[in-house]
Structures are given as structure tokens and as C-alpha cells.
Amino acid sequence: MLVGVDAGTFQRLAVMTATARGKWAAEALRLSESGSPVTPDQAARLTAHRTAYEELAEAYEAMRRMVERGYLVIK
């Protein structure tokens, strides 16, 4: 199923995951600057950022476990 996975592929996923985490944190900080209650739209945007980060983090961890267990060999 995972054809053509190499160190570059793994690194791109790691960077994408870290970027998503940064966007989530940046959005939370941006919302906190106003001091106003969070609107439903703002909460939805923050949730979307968190969900993206969590899904990418789970995918990264799954790939890491596959490599550790020898199910996936990185070229």
C-alpha cells in the first residue's frame, strides 16, 4: 500500500505535521489577543486546525511504528 516511501517522504510528513501544530497554536494565540469571547466561527476554525494537526500526528506516528516494527522499510 505504501509504495515509494523514502526518507524525504517521511520528512515531508513530519514538517507538515509540525506546521499544522504551529498553525493551530498561532490561531489560538490570535484569538486570545482580542480578549473577547470566541465566536462559533472562530471556534470552528480553531477546531479545524486542531483536527488537521491531530490527524497528521496520528499518521506520522503510525508510519513511525511501521518502520520500527519492520513493516515499512525506508530507502
Protein backbone atom coordinates (compact mmCIF):
# COMPACT_ATOMS: atom_id res chain seq x y z
CA MET A 1 0.00 0.00 0.00
CA LEU A 2 2.80 2.42 0.82
CA VAL A 3 4.91 2.38 -2.29
CA GLY A 4 7.80 4.74 -2.83
CA VAL A 5 8.17 5.89 0.78
CA ASP A 6 11.64 7.21 1.40
CA ALA A 7 13.32 9.48 3.93
CA GLY A 8 12.14 12.55 2.02
CA THR A 9 8.53 11.40 2.17
CA PHE A 10 8.83 10.78 5.89
CA GLN A 11 10.43 14.19 6.42
CA ARG A 12 7.73 15.99 4.42
CA LEU A 13 5.06 14.40 6.61
CA ALA A 14 6.96 15.44 9.74
CA VAL A 15 7.27 19.03 8.52
CA MET A 16 3.61 19.14 7.50
CA THR A 17 2.63 17.87 10.96
CA ALA A 18 4.80 20.44 12.72
CA THR A 19 3.42 23.20 10.51
CA ALA A 20 -0.15 22.17 11.31
CA ARG A 21 0.65 22.27 15.03
CA GLY A 22 2.11 25.75 14.61
CA LYS A 23 -0.96 26.97 12.74
CA TRP A 24 -3.22 25.61 15.47
CA ALA A 25 -1.21 27.33 18.21
CA ALA A 26 -0.96 30.57 16.22
CA GLU A 27 -4.72 30.61 15.70
CA ALA A 28 -5.32 30.11 19.43
CA LEU A 29 -2.94 32.95 20.27
CA ARG A 30 -4.57 35.19 17.67
CA LEU A 31 -7.98 34.56 19.21
CA SER A 32 -6.69 35.31 22.70
CA GLU A 33 -5.38 38.74 21.69
CA SER A 34 -8.82 40.31 21.44
CA GLY A 35 -9.89 39.29 24.92
CA SER A 36 -13.40 38.77 23.55
CA PRO A 37 -15.35 35.54 23.81
CA VAL A 38 -14.69 33.17 20.94
CA THR A 39 -17.44 33.14 18.31
CA PRO A 40 -18.77 29.89 16.88
CA ASP A 41 -16.98 30.60 13.59
CA GLN A 42 -13.70 31.21 15.37
CA ALA A 43 -14.11 28.05 17.42
CA ALA A 44 -14.82 26.08 14.25
CA ARG A 45 -11.66 27.43 12.60
CA LEU A 46 -9.61 26.57 15.69
CA THR A 47 -11.15 23.10 15.76
CA ALA A 48 -10.29 22.59 12.09
CA HIS A 49 -6.64 23.47 12.80
CA ARG A 50 -6.53 21.10 15.77
CA THR A 51 -8.17 18.28 13.84
CA ALA A 52 -5.70 18.68 10.98
CA TYR A 53 -2.77 18.57 13.39
CA GLU A 54 -4.12 15.55 15.28
CA GLU A 55 -4.79 13.57 12.10
CA LEU A 56 -1.33 14.31 10.70
CA ALA A 57 0.30 13.45 14.04
CA GLU A 58 -1.54 10.11 14.12
CA ALA A 59 -0.45 9.34 10.55
CA TYR A 60 3.17 10.22 11.37
CA GLU A 61 3.14 8.04 14.48
CA ALA A 62 1.57 5.18 12.53
CA MET A 63 4.32 5.37 9.93
CA ARG A 64 6.98 5.57 12.63
CA ARG A 65 5.60 2.42 14.27
CA MET A 66 5.54 0.64 10.91
CA VAL A 67 9.22 1.45 10.41
CA GLU A 68 10.13 0.42 13.97
CA ARG A 69 8.35 -2.92 13.54
CA GLY A 70 9.88 -3.56 10.14
CA TYR A 71 6.57 -3.39 8.27
CA LEU A 72 7.85 -0.46 6.23
CA VAL A 73 11.42 -0.12 5.07
CA ILE A 74 12.68 3.38 4.39
CA LYS A 75 15.02 3.51 1.41
